[in-house]
Amino acid sequence: MSPSPRVSSFPFLRPRPPASPRLPGTTVRRLLCVLFLLIGTSVLSGCTVYSFSGASIPSNLETISVPIAPNNTSSPVNRLGADLTDLLTDRFVDRTRLSLTTDDAGADALLRARIQRYTNEPTGVSGDERATTNQVTIRVQVRYVDQTKDEELLNQTFSGAANYNPVEAGLDGERQAAQNALENVADDIFSTATSNW
């Protein structure tokens, strides 16, 4: 009678279990084909097209018009309306598959923005009652319409804010804070308008 094999007390010296069998190449190819068919079917059957930025646009929209936003405030900062329009155009055209057109009536989608309010108020005061921090707040009314279906996709008011030091930065600081506030507004508008699908 032969002696039974000894099992080592060291785990790394124990015999390894047999490797699991690999799937044959044809099975892997079949699985990949099924996966691609499922992805293709879901994309073709859906009504939304997603971009790499995570934004989604209804599949029937191909063009967008973004008229210059009127500025209904008495802000000392120039070009607020034009700057907001540029920021919105960059987001909706550069981050989606939409093409820009200046034909408001013929565009598939129309995005109108209007600056309603501009405030510049102190939020921090030093011991000698001087403002150390000011906050610029900009409020914008937005209407986003699918003109191919005569359907309102978004009608909402957005606000953006940014701080600056009025003592050190002065009017240049206010201009930069206004630009930062506009960028925050543009980001919120884009995110809201492209996440409803």
Protein backbone atom coordinates (compact mmCIF):
# COMPACT_ATOMS: atom_id res chain seq x y z
CA MET A 1 0.00 0.00 0.00
CA SER A 2 1.60 3.25 -1.13
CA PRO A 3 1.81 6.15 1.31
CA SER A 4 -0.66 9.00 0.76
CA PRO A 5 0.86 12.20 -0.65
CA ARG A 6 1.76 14.79 1.91
CA VAL A 7 0.06 18.19 1.73
CA SER A 8 2.38 21.09 2.39
CA SER A 9 1.49 23.46 5.20
CA PHE A 10 2.69 26.35 3.03
CA PRO A 11 -0.13 27.64 0.79
CA PHE A 12 2.22 28.59 -2.05
CA LEU A 13 3.52 25.00 -2.24
CA ARG A 14 0.09 23.40 -2.52
CA PRO A 15 -0.89 22.13 -5.96
CA ARG A 16 -2.96 24.58 -8.04
CA PRO A 17 -6.48 23.64 -9.11
CA PRO A 18 -6.88 23.01 -12.80
CA ALA A 19 -7.45 26.16 -14.90
CA SER A 20 -11.00 26.85 -15.99
CA PRO A 21 -11.60 26.09 -19.63
CA ARG A 22 -11.59 29.07 -22.02
CA LEU A 23 -14.49 29.87 -24.26
CA PRO A 24 -13.89 28.87 -27.84
CA GLY A 25 -13.26 31.76 -30.26
CA THR A 26 -16.59 31.26 -32.05
CA THR A 27 -18.52 31.63 -28.78
CA VAL A 28 -16.76 34.90 -27.99
CA ARG A 29 -17.47 36.21 -31.49
CA ARG A 30 -21.15 35.28 -31.16
CA LEU A 31 -21.42 37.06 -27.81
CA LEU A 32 -19.83 40.18 -29.28
CA CYS A 33 -22.20 40.10 -32.26
CA VAL A 34 -25.22 39.88 -29.96
CA LEU A 35 -23.89 42.75 -27.83
CA PHE A 36 -23.37 45.00 -30.88
CA LEU A 37 -26.83 44.14 -32.20
CA LEU A 38 -28.42 45.08 -28.88
CA ILE A 39 -26.54 48.38 -28.75
CA GLY A 40 -27.40 49.19 -32.36
CA THR A 41 -31.07 48.38 -31.85
CA SER A 42 -31.35 50.55 -28.76
CA VAL A 43 -29.67 53.49 -30.50
CA LEU A 44 -31.81 53.22 -33.63
CA SER A 45 -35.07 52.76 -31.77
CA GLY A 46 -34.51 55.61 -29.31
CA CYS A 47 -35.52 59.22 -29.90
CA THR A 48 -32.47 60.73 -28.27
CA VAL A 49 -28.86 61.01 -29.33
CA TYR A 50 -26.21 61.25 -26.64
CA SER A 51 -22.89 63.04 -27.02
CA PHE A 52 -19.59 62.25 -25.34
CA SER A 53 -20.17 65.16 -22.94
CA GLY A 54 -23.24 63.39 -21.53
CA ALA A 55 -25.61 65.85 -23.17
CA SER A 56 -28.67 64.51 -24.96
CA ILE A 57 -30.49 66.15 -27.84
CA PRO A 58 -33.77 64.97 -29.41
CA SER A 59 -32.95 63.08 -32.60
CA ASN A 60 -35.16 65.33 -34.76
CA LEU A 61 -33.05 68.42 -33.97
CA GLU A 62 -30.11 69.22 -36.26
CA THR A 63 -29.77 73.02 -36.17
CA ILE A 64 -30.02 75.65 -33.45
CA SER A 65 -30.28 79.43 -33.41
CA VAL A 66 -29.07 81.44 -30.41
CA PRO A 67 -30.01 85.13 -30.87
CA ILE A 68 -28.01 87.75 -28.96
CA ALA A 69 -29.40 87.95 -25.42
CA PRO A 70 -30.87 91.37 -24.58
CA ASN A 71 -29.57 92.92 -21.37
CA ASN A 72 -32.42 94.55 -19.45
CA THR A 73 -30.17 95.74 -16.60
CA SER A 74 -28.17 98.87 -15.85
CA SER A 75 -24.96 96.89 -15.29
CA PRO A 76 -21.70 98.86 -15.63
CA VAL A 77 -20.18 95.79 -17.31
CA ASN A 78 -20.37 95.99 -21.11
CA ARG A 79 -21.20 93.15 -23.50
CA LEU A 80 -23.04 90.97 -20.97
CA GLY A 81 -25.63 89.91 -23.54
CA ALA A 82 -23.08 89.17 -26.26
CA ASP A 83 -20.84 87.28 -23.81
CA LEU A 84 -23.73 85.12 -22.59
CA THR A 85 -24.73 84.37 -26.19
CA ASP A 86 -21.15 83.30 -27.01
CA LEU A 87 -21.02 81.03 -23.96
CA LEU A 88 -24.34 79.37 -24.82
CA THR A 89 -23.34 78.94 -28.47
CA ASP A 90 -20.05 77.31 -27.45
CA ARG A 91 -21.86 74.80 -25.25
CA PHE A 92 -24.74 73.90 -27.56
CA VAL A 93 -22.65 73.71 -30.75
CA ASP A 94 -19.25 72.48 -29.52
CA ARG A 95 -20.60 69.89 -27.08
CA THR A 96 -23.44 68.46 -29.16
CA ARG A 97 -24.07 67.51 -32.78
CA LEU A 98 -26.20 70.64 -33.37
CA SER A 99 -25.16 73.04 -36.13
CA LEU A 100 -25.47 76.80 -35.61
CA THR A 101 -27.72 78.83 -37.87
CA THR A 102 -28.65 82.52 -37.82
CA ASP A 103 -32.08 81.76 -39.29
CA ASP A 104 -34.28 82.02 -36.20
CA ALA A 105 -37.44 80.98 -38.03
CA GLY A 106 -35.86 78.07 -39.93
CA ALA A 107 -33.80 76.57 -37.09
CA ASP A 108 -34.91 73.23 -35.64
CA ALA A 109 -34.27 74.56 -32.13
CA LEU A 110 -34.39 78.14 -30.86
CA LEU A 111 -32.67 79.18 -27.63
CA ARG A 112 -33.57 82.66 -26.38
CA ALA A 113 -31.97 84.14 -23.26
CA ARG A 114 -32.61 87.50 -21.61
CA ILE A 115 -30.59 89.02 -18.76
CA GLN A 116 -33.21 90.16 -16.26
CA ARG A 117 -31.21 91.28 -13.25
CA TYR A 118 -27.67 92.27 -12.27
CA THR A 119 -26.63 92.94 -8.66
CA ASN A 120 -23.29 93.76 -7.06
CA GLU A 121 -23.56 93.61 -3.28
CA PRO A 122 -21.08 93.36 -0.40
CA THR A 123 -20.98 89.99 1.35
CA GLY A 124 -17.99 90.61 3.63
CA VAL A 125 -17.12 93.71 5.68
CA SER A 126 -13.88 94.54 7.52
CA GLY A 127 -13.59 96.07 11.00
CA ASP A 128 -13.59 99.60 9.58
CA GLU A 129 -16.90 98.94 7.77
CA ARG A 130 -15.27 98.58 4.35
CA ALA A 131 -16.44 95.87 1.98
CA THR A 132 -13.85 93.13 1.60
CA THR A 133 -15.93 90.87 -0.63
CA ASN A 134 -18.61 91.69 -3.16
CA GLN A 135 -20.86 89.23 -4.95
CA VAL A 136 -22.04 89.74 -8.52
CA THR A 137 -25.30 87.91 -9.24
CA ILE A 138 -26.86 87.63 -12.69
CA ARG A 139 -30.37 86.33 -13.35
CA VAL A 140 -31.29 85.08 -16.83
CA GLN A 141 -34.64 84.02 -18.30
CA VAL A 142 -34.34 81.22 -20.89
CA ARG A 143 -36.77 79.70 -23.39
CA TYR A 144 -35.67 76.69 -25.46
CA VAL A 145 -38.07 75.52 -28.18
CA ASP A 146 -38.23 72.55 -30.54
CA GLN A 147 -39.59 74.38 -33.59
CA THR A 148 -40.04 71.21 -35.64
CA LYS A 149 -42.74 70.09 -33.18
CA ASP A 150 -43.71 73.54 -31.87
CA GLU A 151 -42.83 72.24 -28.39
CA GLU A 152 -41.33 74.17 -25.50
CA LEU A 153 -38.42 72.19 -24.07
CA LEU A 154 -37.40 74.66 -21.36
CA ASN A 155 -38.77 77.88 -19.88
CA GLN A 156 -36.92 78.77 -16.71
CA THR A 157 -34.98 81.43 -14.82
CA PHE A 158 -31.33 80.77 -13.91
CA SER A 159 -28.97 82.62 -11.58
CA GLY A 160 -25.20 82.65 -11.38
CA ALA A 161 -22.92 84.35 -8.86
CA ALA A 162 -19.24 85.04 -8.27
CA ASN A 163 -17.24 86.96 -5.66
CA TYR A 164 -14.38 89.45 -5.92
CA ASN A 165 -12.45 91.86 -3.70
CA PRO A 166 -13.60 95.41 -4.52
CA VAL A 167 -10.66 97.05 -2.73
CA GLU A 168 -7.93 95.10 -4.51
CA ALA A 169 -9.60 94.36 -7.86
CA GLY A 170 -11.93 97.31 -8.44
CA LEU A 171 -13.90 97.44 -11.70
CA ASP A 172 -11.68 94.79 -13.33
CA GLY A 173 -12.59 92.44 -10.50
CA GLU A 174 -16.28 93.16 -11.04
CA ARG A 175 -15.92 92.43 -14.77
CA GLN A 176 -14.20 89.10 -14.04
CA ALA A 177 -16.82 88.19 -11.43
CA ALA A 178 -19.56 88.99 -13.96
CA GLN A 179 -17.86 86.74 -16.53
CA ASN A 180 -17.60 83.91 -13.98
CA ALA A 181 -21.27 84.36 -13.04
CA LEU A 182 -22.24 84.20 -16.74
CA GLU A 183 -20.23 80.98 -17.17
CA ASN A 184 -22.05 79.45 -14.20
CA VAL A 185 -25.40 80.44 -15.72
CA ALA A 186 -24.43 79.05 -19.15
CA ASP A 187 -23.35 75.75 -17.59
CA ASP A 188 -26.65 75.44 -15.68
CA ILE A 189 -28.71 76.27 -18.76
CA PHE A 190 -26.86 73.73 -20.90
CA SER A 191 -27.02 71.01 -18.26
CA THR A 192 -30.75 71.51 -17.65
CA ALA A 193 -31.67 71.77 -21.34
CA THR A 194 -29.78 68.61 -22.32
CA SER A 195 -30.60 66.35 -19.38
CA ASN A 196 -34.37 66.16 -19.78
CA TRP A 197 -34.26 63.33 -22.37
